[in-house]
PDB file of N, CA and C in Angstrom:
ATOM      1  N   UNK A   1      43.031  -5.435 -14.306  1.00  0.00           N
ATOM      2  CA  UNK A   1      42.774  -5.321 -13.546  1.00  0.00           C
ATOM      3  C   UNK A   1      42.973  -6.528 -12.443  1.00  0.00           C
ATOM      4  N   UNK A   2      43.016  -7.125 -12.728  1.00  0.00           N
ATOM      5  CA  UNK A   2      43.697  -8.415 -12.123  1.00  0.00           C
ATOM      6  C   UNK A   2      45.287  -8.250 -11.767  1.00  0.00           C
ATOM      7  N   UNK A   3      46.217  -7.267 -12.188  1.00  0.00           N
ATOM      8  CA  UNK A   3      47.498  -6.989 -12.156  1.00  0.00           C
ATOM      9  C   UNK A   3      47.320  -6.046 -10.969  1.00  0.00           C
ATOM     10  N   UNK A   4      46.407  -5.488 -10.856  1.00  0.00           N
ATOM     11  CA  UNK A   4      46.354  -4.361 -10.211  1.00  0.00           C
ATOM     12  C   UNK A   4      46.529  -4.405  -8.643  1.00  0.00           C
ATOM     13  N   UNK A   5      45.062  -5.681  -8.760  1.00  0.00           N
ATOM     14  CA  UNK A   5      44.467  -6.712  -7.194  1.00  0.00           C
ATOM     15  C   UNK A   5      45.756  -6.969  -6.934  1.00  0.00           C
ATOM     16  N   UNK A   6      46.401  -7.831  -7.812  1.00  0.00           N
ATOM     17  CA  UNK A   6      47.655  -8.735  -7.419  1.00  0.00           C
ATOM     18  C   UNK A   6      48.932  -7.811  -6.971  1.00  0.00           C
ATOM     19  N   UNK A   7      49.106  -6.927  -7.270  1.00  0.00           N
ATOM     20  CA  UNK A   7      49.901  -5.786  -6.915  1.00  0.00           C
ATOM     21  C   UNK A   7      49.592  -5.075  -5.135  1.00  0.00           C
ATOM     22  N   UNK A   8      48.305  -5.048  -5.248  1.00  0.00           N
ATOM     23  CA  UNK A   8      47.764  -4.474  -4.088  1.00  0.00           C
ATOM     24  C   UNK A   8      47.785  -5.306  -2.911  1.00  0.00           C
ATOM     25  N   UNK A   9      47.446  -6.706  -3.296  1.00  0.00           N
ATOM     26  CA  UNK A   9      47.755  -8.136  -1.845  1.00  0.00           C
ATOM     27  C   UNK A   9      48.815  -7.924  -1.702  1.00  0.00           C
ATOM     28  N   UNK A  10      49.832  -8.062  -2.635  1.00  0.00           N
ATOM     29  CA  UNK A  10      51.635  -7.834  -2.196  1.00  0.00           C
ATOM     30  C   UNK A  10      51.656  -6.746  -1.785  1.00  0.00           C
ATOM     31  N   UNK A  11      50.917  -5.836  -1.551  1.00  0.00           N
ATOM     32  CA  UNK A  11      51.499  -4.599  -0.382  1.00  0.00           C
ATOM     33  C   UNK A  11      52.665  -3.666  -1.159  1.00  0.00           C
ATOM     34  N   UNK A  12      52.347  -3.753  -2.302  1.00  0.00           N
ATOM     35  CA  UNK A  12      53.318  -2.678  -3.050  1.00  0.00           C
ATOM     36  C   UNK A  12      53.046  -1.204  -2.787  1.00  0.00           C
ATOM     37  N   UNK A  13      51.857  -0.878  -2.639  1.00  0.00           N
ATOM     38  CA  UNK A  13      51.223   0.575  -2.539  1.00  0.00           C
ATOM     39  C   UNK A  13      50.723   0.963  -3.936  1.00  0.00           C
ATOM     40  N   UNK A  14      49.696   2.196  -4.204  1.00  0.00           N
ATOM     41  CA  UNK A  14      48.795   2.079  -4.865  1.00  0.00           C
ATOM     42  C   UNK A  14      49.618   2.906  -6.216  1.00  0.00           C
ATOM     43  N   UNK A  15      50.597   3.360  -5.866  1.00  0.00           N
ATOM     44  CA  UNK A  15      51.625   4.020  -7.198  1.00  0.00           C
ATOM     45  C   UNK A  15      51.881   2.647  -7.998  1.00  0.00           C
ATOM     46  N   UNK A  16      52.431   1.994  -7.276  1.00  0.00           N
ATOM     47  CA  UNK A  16      53.190   0.673  -7.899  1.00  0.00           C
ATOM     48  C   UNK A  16      52.195  -0.330  -8.885  1.00  0.00           C
ATOM     49  N   UNK A  17      51.371  -0.336  -7.973  1.00  0.00           N
ATOM     50  CA  UNK A  17      50.170  -1.107  -8.247  1.00  0.00           C
ATOM     51  C   UNK A  17      49.268  -0.487  -9.623  1.00  0.00           C
ATOM     52  N   UNK A  18      49.382   1.060  -9.761  1.00  0.00           N
ATOM     53  CA  UNK A  18      48.655   0.938 -10.609  1.00  0.00           C
ATOM     54  C   UNK A  18      49.559   1.201 -12.126  1.00  0.00           C
ATOM     55  N   UNK A  19      51.358   1.183 -11.730  1.00  0.00           N
ATOM     56  CA  UNK A  19      52.620   0.710 -12.859  1.00  0.00           C
ATOM     57  C   UNK A  19      52.399  -0.154 -13.437  1.00  0.00           C
ATOM     58  N   UNK A  20      52.342  -1.112 -12.130  1.00  0.00           N
ATOM     59  CA  UNK A  20      52.380  -2.982 -13.019  1.00  0.00           C
ATOM     60  C   UNK A  20      51.238  -2.822 -13.133  1.00  0.00           C
ATOM     61  N   UNK A  21      50.093  -2.709 -12.943  1.00  0.00           N
ATOM     62  CA  UNK A  21      49.006  -2.856 -14.240  1.00  0.00           C
ATOM     63  C   UNK A  21      49.023  -2.072 -15.554  1.00  0.00           C
ATOM     64  N   UNK A  22      49.611  -0.831 -15.910  1.00  0.00           N
ATOM     65  CA  UNK A  22      49.945  -0.389 -17.129  1.00  0.00           C
ATOM     66  C   UNK A  22      50.922  -1.190 -17.758  1.00  0.00           C
ATOM     67  N   UNK A  23      51.791  -1.612 -16.844  1.00  0.00           N
ATOM     68  CA  UNK A  23      52.692  -2.564 -17.966  1.00  0.00           C
ATOM     69  C   UNK A  23      52.129  -4.150 -17.900  1.00  0.00           C
ATOM     70  N   UNK A  24      51.290  -4.235 -17.415  1.00  0.00           N
ATOM     71  CA  UNK A  24      50.326  -5.675 -17.848  1.00  0.00           C
ATOM     72  C   UNK A  24      49.684  -5.077 -18.768  1.00  0.00           C
ATOM     73  N   UNK A  25      49.200  -4.642 -19.198  1.00  0.00           N
ATOM     74  CA  UNK A  25      48.582  -3.962 -20.399  1.00  0.00           C
ATOM     75  C   UNK A  25      49.443  -4.154 -21.639  1.00  0.00           C
ATOM     76  N   UNK A  26      50.183  -3.605 -20.980  1.00  0.00           N
ATOM     77  CA  UNK A  26      51.409  -2.986 -22.576  1.00  0.00           C
ATOM     78  C   UNK A  26      51.967  -4.365 -22.920  1.00  0.00           C
ATOM     79  N   UNK A  27      52.295  -5.616 -22.227  1.00  0.00           N
ATOM     80  CA  UNK A  27      52.628  -6.799 -22.328  1.00  0.00           C
ATOM     81  C   UNK A  27      51.687  -7.827 -23.567  1.00  0.00           C
ATOM     82  N   UNK A  28      50.537  -7.132 -23.996  1.00  0.00           N
ATOM     83  CA  UNK A  28      49.895  -7.834 -24.821  1.00  0.00           C
ATOM     84  C   UNK A  28      49.605  -6.631 -25.512  1.00  0.00           C
ATOM     85  N   UNK A  29      49.208  -5.538 -25.414  1.00  0.00           N
ATOM     86  CA  UNK A  29      48.146  -4.404 -26.314  1.00  0.00           C
ATOM     87  C   UNK A  29      48.824  -4.626 -27.479  1.00  0.00           C
ATOM     88  N   UNK A  30      48.230  -4.367 -28.523  1.00  0.00           N
ATOM     89  CA  UNK A  30      48.758  -3.544 -29.881  1.00  0.00           C
ATOM     90  C   UNK A  30      48.721  -2.026 -30.053  1.00  0.00           C
ATOM     91  N   UNK A  31      49.536  -1.768 -29.246  1.00  0.00           N
ATOM     92  CA  UNK A  31      49.255  -0.135 -28.965  1.00  0.00           C
ATOM     93  C   UNK A  31      49.541   0.213 -30.434  1.00  0.00           C
ATOM     94  N   UNK A  32      48.449   1.352 -30.884  1.00  0.00           N
ATOM     95  CA  UNK A  32      48.531   2.123 -32.036  1.00  0.00           C
ATOM     96  C   UNK A  32      49.267   3.290 -31.946  1.00  0.00           C
ATOM     97  N   UNK A  33      49.433   3.622 -30.875  1.00  0.00           N
ATOM     98  CA  UNK A  33      50.462   5.292 -30.744  1.00  0.00           C
ATOM     99  C   UNK A  33      51.838   4.361 -30.588  1.00  0.00           C
ATOM    100  N   UNK A  34      51.826   3.711 -30.209  1.00  0.00           N
ATOM    101  CA  UNK A  34      53.424   3.090 -30.503  1.00  0.00           C
ATOM    102  C   UNK A  34      53.632   2.515 -32.071  1.00  0.00           C
ATOM    103  N   UNK A  35      52.784   1.846 -32.183  1.00  0.00           N
ATOM    104  CA  UNK A  35      52.829   1.394 -33.545  1.00  0.00           C
ATOM    105  C   UNK A  35      52.929   2.570 -34.595  1.00  0.00           C
ATOM    106  N   UNK A  36      52.148   3.141 -34.860  1.00  0.00           N
ATOM    107  CA  UNK A  36      52.779   4.864 -35.218  1.00  0.00           C
ATOM    108  C   UNK A  36      53.650   4.454 -35.198  1.00  0.00           C
ATOM    109  N   UNK A  37      54.379   5.259 -34.032  1.00  0.00           N
ATOM    110  CA  UNK A  37      55.827   6.148 -33.725  1.00  0.00           C
ATOM    111  C   UNK A  37      56.913   5.263 -33.904  1.00  0.00           C
ATOM    112  N   UNK A  38      56.951   3.967 -34.165  1.00  0.00           N
ATOM    113  CA  UNK A  38      57.659   3.443 -34.143  1.00  0.00           C
ATOM    114  C   UNK A  38      57.846   1.789 -34.749  1.00  0.00           C
ATOM    115  N   UNK A  39      56.866   1.715 -35.196  1.00  0.00           N
ATOM    116  CA  UNK A  39      56.408   0.572 -35.776  1.00  0.00           C
ATOM    117  C   UNK A  39      56.051  -0.840 -35.328  1.00  0.00           C
ATOM    118  N   UNK A  40      56.356  -2.218 -35.666  1.00  0.00           N
ATOM    119  CA  UNK A  40      56.112  -3.296 -35.320  1.00  0.00           C
ATOM    120  C   UNK A  40      57.462  -3.333 -34.318  1.00  0.00           C
ATOM    121  N   UNK A  41      58.283  -3.415 -34.626  1.00  0.00           N
ATOM    122  CA  UNK A  41      59.449  -3.570 -33.772  1.00  0.00           C
ATOM    123  C   UNK A  41      59.638  -2.454 -32.497  1.00  0.00           C
ATOM    124  N   UNK A  42      59.064  -1.401 -32.393  1.00  0.00           N
ATOM    125  CA  UNK A  42      59.011  -0.604 -31.194  1.00  0.00           C
ATOM    126  C   UNK A  42      57.949  -1.428 -30.200  1.00  0.00           C
ATOM    127  N   UNK A  43      56.637  -1.687 -31.058  1.00  0.00           N
ATOM    128  CA  UNK A  43      55.722  -2.495 -30.238  1.00  0.00           C
ATOM    129  C   UNK A  43      56.440  -3.706 -29.669  1.00  0.00           C
ATOM    130  N   UNK A  44      57.130  -4.410 -30.215  1.00  0.00           N
ATOM    131  CA  UNK A  44      57.370  -5.726 -29.741  1.00  0.00           C
ATOM    132  C   UNK A  44      58.775  -5.285 -28.504  1.00  0.00           C
ATOM    133  N   UNK A  45      59.186  -4.297 -29.076  1.00  0.00           N
ATOM    134  CA  UNK A  45      60.454  -3.353 -27.903  1.00  0.00           C
ATOM    135  C   UNK A  45      59.170  -3.510 -26.675  1.00  0.00           C
ATOM    136  N   UNK A  46      58.125  -2.567 -26.289  1.00  0.00           N
ATOM    137  CA  UNK A  46      57.578  -2.035 -25.762  1.00  0.00           C
ATOM    138  C   UNK A  46      56.710  -3.345 -24.747  1.00  0.00           C
ATOM    139  N   UNK A  47      56.174  -4.074 -25.491  1.00  0.00           N
ATOM    140  CA  UNK A  47      55.644  -5.503 -25.232  1.00  0.00           C
ATOM    141  C   UNK A  47      56.838  -6.591 -23.867  1.00  0.00           C
ATOM    142  N   UNK A  48      57.818  -6.752 -24.932  1.00  0.00           N
ATOM    143  CA  UNK A  48      58.986  -7.371 -24.111  1.00  0.00           C
ATOM    144  C   UNK A  48      59.648  -6.766 -23.254  1.00  0.00           C
ATOM    145  N   UNK A  49      59.897  -6.021 -23.030  1.00  0.00           N
ATOM    146  CA  UNK A  49      60.460  -4.587 -22.137  1.00  0.00           C
ATOM    147  C   UNK A  49      59.231  -4.915 -20.971  1.00  0.00           C
ATOM    148  N   UNK A  50      57.910  -4.479 -20.886  1.00  0.00           N
ATOM    149  CA  UNK A  50      56.873  -4.362 -20.058  1.00  0.00           C
ATOM    150  C   UNK A  50      56.589  -5.358 -19.171  1.00  0.00           C
ATOM    151  N   UNK A  51      56.927  -6.958 -20.160  1.00  0.00           N
ATOM    152  CA  UNK A  51      56.957  -8.378 -19.544  1.00  0.00           C
ATOM    153  C   UNK A  51      58.409  -8.564 -18.593  1.00  0.00           C
ATOM    154  N   UNK A  52      59.239  -7.836 -19.016  1.00  0.00           N
ATOM    155  CA  UNK A  52      60.583  -7.927 -18.358  1.00  0.00           C
ATOM    156  C   UNK A  52      60.865  -6.996 -17.149  1.00  0.00           C
ATOM    157  N   UNK A  53      59.915  -6.294 -17.141  1.00  0.00           N
ATOM    158  CA  UNK A  53      59.483  -5.308 -15.606  1.00  0.00           C
ATOM    159  C   UNK A  53      58.662  -6.276 -14.902  1.00  0.00           C
ATOM    160  N   UNK A  54      57.881  -6.568 -15.103  1.00  0.00           N
ATOM    161  CA  UNK A  54      56.859  -7.940 -14.266  1.00  0.00           C
ATOM    162  C   UNK A  54      57.610  -9.041 -13.760  1.00  0.00           C
ATOM    163  N   UNK A  55      58.680  -9.729 -15.077  1.00  0.00           N
ATOM    164  CA  UNK A  55      59.198 -10.808 -14.805  1.00  0.00           C
ATOM    165  C   UNK A  55      60.158 -10.615 -13.632  1.00  0.00           C
ATOM    166  N   UNK A  56      60.755  -9.326 -13.568  1.00  0.00           N
ATOM    167  CA  UNK A  56      61.790  -8.745 -12.357  1.00  0.00           C
ATOM    168  C   UNK A  56      61.321  -8.394 -10.926  1.00  0.00           C
ATOM    169  N   UNK A  57      59.995  -8.701 -10.494  1.00  0.00           N
ATOM    170  CA  UNK A  57      58.956  -8.610  -9.868  1.00  0.00           C
ATOM    171  C   UNK A  57      58.618  -7.083  -9.798  1.00  0.00           C
ATOM    172  N   UNK A  58      58.419  -6.386 -10.829  1.00  0.00           N
ATOM    173  CA  UNK A  58      57.315  -5.439 -10.831  1.00  0.00           C
ATOM    174  C   UNK A  58      57.893  -4.375 -10.367  1.00  0.00           C
ATOM    175  N   UNK A  59      57.301  -3.066 -10.319  1.00  0.00           N
ATOM    176  CA  UNK A  59      57.983  -1.643 -10.066  1.00  0.00           C
ATOM    177  C   UNK A  59      58.419  -1.475  -8.676  1.00  0.00           C
ATOM    178  N   UNK A  60      58.050  -2.213  -8.239  1.00  0.00           N
ATOM    179  CA  UNK A  60      58.117  -2.367  -6.349  1.00  0.00           C
ATOM    180  C   UNK A  60      59.827  -2.517  -6.240  1.00  0.00           C
ATOM    181  N   UNK A  61      60.066  -3.355  -6.816  1.00  0.00           N
ATOM    182  CA  UNK A  61      61.467  -3.724  -6.524  1.00  0.00           C
ATOM    183  C   UNK A  61      63.000  -3.370  -7.655  1.00  0.00           C
ATOM    184  N   UNK A  62      63.724  -3.383  -6.707  1.00  0.00           N
ATOM    185  CA  UNK A  62      64.890  -2.805  -7.168  1.00  0.00           C
ATOM    186  C   UNK A  62      65.184  -3.207  -8.847  1.00  0.00           C
ATOM    187  N   UNK A  63      65.206  -4.694  -9.128  1.00  0.00           N
ATOM    188  CA  UNK A  63      65.463  -5.437 -10.269  1.00  0.00           C
ATOM    189  C   UNK A  63      63.859  -5.124 -11.259  1.00  0.00           C
ATOM    190  N   UNK A  64      63.053  -4.576 -10.992  1.00  0.00           N
ATOM    191  CA  UNK A  64      62.178  -4.694 -11.699  1.00  0.00           C
ATOM    192  C   UNK A  64      61.980  -2.608 -12.112  1.00  0.00           C
ATOM    193  N   UNK A  65      62.443  -1.983 -10.742  1.00  0.00           N
ATOM    194  CA  UNK A  65      62.925  -0.823 -11.124  1.00  0.00           C
ATOM    195  C   UNK A  65      63.657  -0.596 -12.425  1.00  0.00           C
ATOM    196  N   UNK A  66      64.909  -1.020 -12.300  1.00  0.00           N
ATOM    197  CA  UNK A  66      65.999  -1.203 -13.019  1.00  0.00           C
ATOM    198  C   UNK A  66      65.673  -1.396 -14.329  1.00  0.00           C
ATOM    199  N   UNK A  67      64.630  -2.230 -14.789  1.00  0.00           N
ATOM    200  CA  UNK A  67      63.968  -2.627 -16.236  1.00  0.00           C
ATOM    201  C   UNK A  67      63.208  -1.682 -16.414  1.00  0.00           C
ATOM    202  N   UNK A  68      62.477  -1.164 -15.402  1.00  0.00           N
ATOM    203  CA  UNK A  68      61.700  -0.319 -15.785  1.00  0.00           C
ATOM    204  C   UNK A  68      62.467   1.206 -16.524  1.00  0.00           C
ATOM    205  N   UNK A  69      63.771   1.229 -15.807  1.00  0.00           N
ATOM    206  CA  UNK A  69      64.181   2.090 -16.716  1.00  0.00           C
ATOM    207  C   UNK A  69      64.862   2.070 -17.587  1.00  0.00           C
ATOM    208  N   UNK A  70      65.242   0.888 -18.118  1.00  0.00           N
ATOM    209  CA  UNK A  70      65.683   0.483 -19.453  1.00  0.00           C
ATOM    210  C   UNK A  70      64.811   0.719 -20.544  1.00  0.00           C
ATOM    211  N   UNK A  71      63.585   0.149 -20.333  1.00  0.00           N
ATOM    212  CA  UNK A  71      62.041   0.369 -21.118  1.00  0.00           C
ATOM    213  C   UNK A  71      61.930   1.535 -20.985  1.00  0.00           C
ATOM    214  N   UNK A  72      62.308   2.645 -20.333  1.00  0.00           N
ATOM    215  CA  UNK A  72      61.928   3.695 -20.548  1.00  0.00           C
ATOM    216  C   UNK A  72      62.762   4.738 -21.309  1.00  0.00           C
ATOM    217  N   UNK A  73      64.039   4.298 -21.005  1.00  0.00           N
ATOM    218  CA  UNK A  73      64.933   4.883 -22.131  1.00  0.00           C
ATOM    219  C   UNK A  73      65.160   4.502 -23.521  1.00  0.00           C
ATOM    220  N   UNK A  74      64.545   3.266 -23.755  1.00  0.00           N
ATOM    221  CA  UNK A  74      63.802   2.506 -25.242  1.00  0.00           C
ATOM    222  C   UNK A  74      62.840   3.103 -25.364  1.00  0.00           C
ATOM    223  N   UNK A  75      62.001   3.311 -25.159  1.00  0.00           N
ATOM    224  CA  UNK A  75      60.784   4.024 -25.432  1.00  0.00           C
ATOM    225  C   UNK A  75      61.085   5.336 -25.874  1.00  0.00           C
ATOM    226  N   UNK A  76      61.891   6.355 -25.066  1.00  0.00           N
ATOM    227  CA  UNK A  76      61.927   7.752 -25.572  1.00  0.00           C
ATOM    228  C   UNK A  76      63.116   7.371 -26.415  1.00  0.00           C
ATOM    229  N   UNK A  77      63.827   6.558 -26.965  1.00  0.00           N
ATOM    230  CA  UNK A  77      64.736   6.769 -28.064  1.00  0.00           C
ATOM    231  C   UNK A  77      63.715   6.555 -29.413  1.00  0.00           C
ATOM    232  N   UNK A  78      62.868   5.567 -29.141  1.00  0.00           N
ATOM    233  CA  UNK A  78      62.055   5.314 -30.155  1.00  0.00           C
ATOM    234  C   UNK A  78      61.122   6.476 -30.676  1.00  0.00           C
ATOM    235  N   UNK A  79      61.273   7.551 -29.548  1.00  0.00           N
ATOM    236  CA  UNK A  79      59.722   8.202 -29.241  1.00  0.00           C
ATOM    237  C   UNK A  79      58.368   7.974 -29.583  1.00  0.00           C
ATOM    238  N   UNK A  80      58.267   6.724 -29.095  1.00  0.00           N
ATOM    239  CA  UNK A  80      57.374   6.128 -28.415  1.00  0.00           C
ATOM    240  C   UNK A  80      56.253   6.399 -26.750  1.00  0.00           C
ATOM    241  N   UNK A  81      55.328   6.469 -27.447  1.00  0.00           N
ATOM    242  CA  UNK A  81      54.501   6.794 -26.247  1.00  0.00           C
ATOM    243  C   UNK A  81      53.489   5.743 -26.001  1.00  0.00           C
ATOM    244  N   UNK A  82      53.418   4.531 -25.158  1.00  0.00           N
ATOM    245  CA  UNK A  82      52.066   3.706 -25.027  1.00  0.00           C
ATOM    246  C   UNK A  82      50.884   4.498 -24.776  1.00  0.00           C
ATOM    247  N   UNK A  83      50.285   5.378 -25.320  1.00  0.00           N
ATOM    248  CA  UNK A  83      49.220   6.038 -24.879  1.00  0.00           C
ATOM    249  C   UNK A  83      47.958   5.325 -25.214  1.00  0.00           C
ATOM    250  N   UNK A  84      47.355   4.237 -25.990  1.00  0.00           N
ATOM    251  CA  UNK A  84      47.003   3.431 -25.830  1.00  0.00           C
ATOM    252  C   UNK A  84      46.593   2.542 -24.352  1.00  0.00           C
ATOM    253  N   UNK A  85      47.880   2.321 -24.294  1.00  0.00           N
ATOM    254  CA  UNK A  85      47.691   1.620 -22.894  1.00  0.00           C
ATOM    255  C   UNK A  85      47.453   2.189 -21.568  1.00  0.00           C
ATOM    256  N   UNK A  86      47.687   3.712 -21.658  1.00  0.00           N
ATOM    257  CA  UNK A  86      47.443   4.644 -20.424  1.00  0.00           C
ATOM    258  C   UNK A  86      45.947   4.712 -20.343  1.00  0.00           C
ATOM    259  N   UNK A  87      45.429   4.643 -22.060  1.00  0.00           N
ATOM    260  CA  UNK A  87      44.039   4.754 -21.966  1.00  0.00           C
ATOM    261  C   UNK A  87      42.904   3.783 -21.442  1.00  0.00           C
ATOM    262  N   UNK A  88      43.921   2.133 -21.817  1.00  0.00           N
ATOM    263  CA  UNK A  88      43.434   1.627 -21.106  1.00  0.00           C
ATOM    264  C   UNK A  88      43.661   1.353 -19.072  1.00  0.00           C
ATOM    265  N   UNK A  89      44.160   1.825 -18.724  1.00  0.00           N
ATOM    266  CA  UNK A  89      44.562   1.858 -17.531  1.00  0.00           C
ATOM    267  C   UNK A  89      43.626   2.636 -16.677  1.00  0.00           C
ATOM    268  N   UNK A  90      43.329   4.029 -17.740  1.00  0.00           N
ATOM    269  CA  UNK A  90      42.124   4.837 -16.928  1.00  0.00           C
ATOM    270  C   UNK A  90      40.997   3.797 -16.962  1.00  0.00           C
ATOM    271  N   UNK A  91      40.297   3.325 -17.814  1.00  0.00           N
ATOM    272  CA  UNK A  91      39.530   3.060 -17.704  1.00  0.00           C
ATOM    273  C   UNK A  91      39.205   1.787 -16.422  1.00  0.00           C
ATOM    274  N   UNK A  92      40.642   0.930 -16.522  1.00  0.00           N
ATOM    275  CA  UNK A  92      40.778  -0.031 -15.793  1.00  0.00           C
ATOM    276  C   UNK A  92      40.669   0.691 -14.290  1.00  0.00           C
ATOM    277  N   UNK A  93      40.921   1.930 -14.018  1.00  0.00           N
ATOM    278  CA  UNK A  93      41.080   2.596 -12.866  1.00  0.00           C
ATOM    279  C   UNK A  93      39.384   2.938 -12.522  1.00  0.00           C
ATOM    280  N   UNK A  94      38.907   3.537 -13.248  1.00  0.00           N
ATOM    281  CA  UNK A  94      37.533   3.789 -13.370  1.00  0.00           C
ATOM    282  C   UNK A  94      36.800   2.663 -13.170  1.00  0.00           C
ATOM    283  N   UNK A  95      36.523   1.542 -13.745  1.00  0.00           N
ATOM    284  CA  UNK A  95      36.069   0.107 -13.064  1.00  0.00           C
ATOM    285  C   UNK A  95      36.382  -0.634 -11.728  1.00  0.00           C
ATOM    286  N   UNK A  96      37.455  -0.131 -11.699  1.00  0.00           N
ATOM    287  CA  UNK A  96      37.863  -0.467  -9.960  1.00  0.00           C
ATOM    288  C   UNK A  96      37.150   0.346  -9.203  1.00  0.00           C
ATOM    289  N   UNK A  97      37.148   1.827  -9.494  1.00  0.00           N
ATOM    290  CA  UNK A  97      36.233   2.366  -8.570  1.00  0.00           C
ATOM    291  C   UNK A  97      34.969   2.376  -8.647  1.00  0.00           C
ATOM    292  N   UNK A  98      34.316   1.722  -9.825  1.00  0.00           N
ATOM    293  CA  UNK A  98      33.135   1.378  -9.468  1.00  0.00           C
ATOM    294  C   UNK A  98      32.545   0.264  -8.878  1.00  0.00           C
ATOM    295  N   UNK A  99      33.243  -0.770  -9.371  1.00  0.00           N
ATOM    296  CA  UNK A  99      33.045  -2.411  -8.667  1.00  0.00           C
ATOM    297  C   UNK A  99      32.797  -2.573  -7.506  1.00  0.00           C
ATOM    298  N   UNK A 100      33.272  -2.104  -6.257  1.00  0.00           N
ATOM    299  CA  UNK A 100      32.828  -1.887  -4.575  1.00  0.00           C
ATOM    300  C   UNK A 100      31.424  -1.164  -4.373  1.00  0.00           C
ATOM    301  N   UNK A 101      31.304  -0.368  -5.619  1.00  0.00           N
ATOM    302  CA  UNK A 101      29.474  -0.156  -5.167  1.00  0.00           C
ATOM    303  C   UNK A 101      28.713  -0.885  -6.298  1.00  0.00           C
ATOM    304  N   UNK A 102      29.107  -1.054  -7.043  1.00  0.00           N
ATOM    305  CA  UNK A 102      28.064  -2.101  -7.884  1.00  0.00           C
ATOM    306  C   UNK A 102      27.959  -3.413  -6.921  1.00  0.00           C
ATOM    307  N   UNK A 103      28.763  -4.096  -6.374  1.00  0.00           N
ATOM    308  CA  UNK A 103      28.578  -4.768  -5.619  1.00  0.00           C
ATOM    309  C   UNK A 103      27.998  -4.741  -4.557  1.00  0.00           C
ATOM    310  N   UNK A 104      27.979  -3.909  -4.152  1.00  0.00           N
ATOM    311  CA  UNK A 104      26.930  -3.207  -2.881  1.00  0.00           C
ATOM    312  C   UNK A 104      25.033  -2.981  -3.555  1.00  0.00           C
ATOM    313  N   UNK A 105      25.096  -2.619  -4.642  1.00  0.00           N
ATOM    314  CA  UNK A 105      23.947  -2.581  -5.328  1.00  0.00           C
ATOM    315  C   UNK A 105      23.109  -3.654  -5.638  1.00  0.00           C
ATOM    316  N   UNK A 106      24.077  -4.720  -6.276  1.00  0.00           N
ATOM    317  CA  UNK A 106      23.723  -5.769  -6.277  1.00  0.00           C
ATOM    318  C   UNK A 106      22.910  -6.649  -5.533  1.00  0.00           C
ATOM    319  N   UNK A 107      24.040  -6.280  -4.156  1.00  0.00           N
ATOM    320  CA  UNK A 107      23.238  -7.359  -2.980  1.00  0.00           C
ATOM    321  C   UNK A 107      21.759  -6.787  -2.665  1.00  0.00           C
ATOM    322  N   UNK A 108      21.584  -5.505  -2.546  1.00  0.00           N
ATOM    323  CA  UNK A 108      20.320  -5.398  -2.330  1.00  0.00           C
ATOM    324  C   UNK A 108      19.370  -5.483  -2.822  1.00  0.00           C
ATOM    325  N   UNK A 109      19.555  -5.560  -4.062  1.00  0.00           N
ATOM    326  CA  UNK A 109      18.532  -6.126  -5.360  1.00  0.00           C
ATOM    327  C   UNK A 109      17.662  -7.359  -5.061  1.00  0.00           C
TER     328      UNK A 109
END
């Protein structure tokens, strides 16, 4: 959620903000989908590659897009898909949708 909010605040657009949030999750998650298909080396490649995209400025920048393309090609060659990270992104977006409404309800109590 913090990366989603940072990317939105930077004006990167919703699609890029969501993609950057996914990448932030990928940097630390021990994604069992990736572990099953590509082992620990694949997991490390995913985590390191996702961090490189963010370090390059995220998905909204040219250098970030280049790093993202490299990560995509690497994960495809490993037949690895970060499904666990995608599930956590969905949960993050759900919480993001609820958060403004929850804040309003709390103020009325």
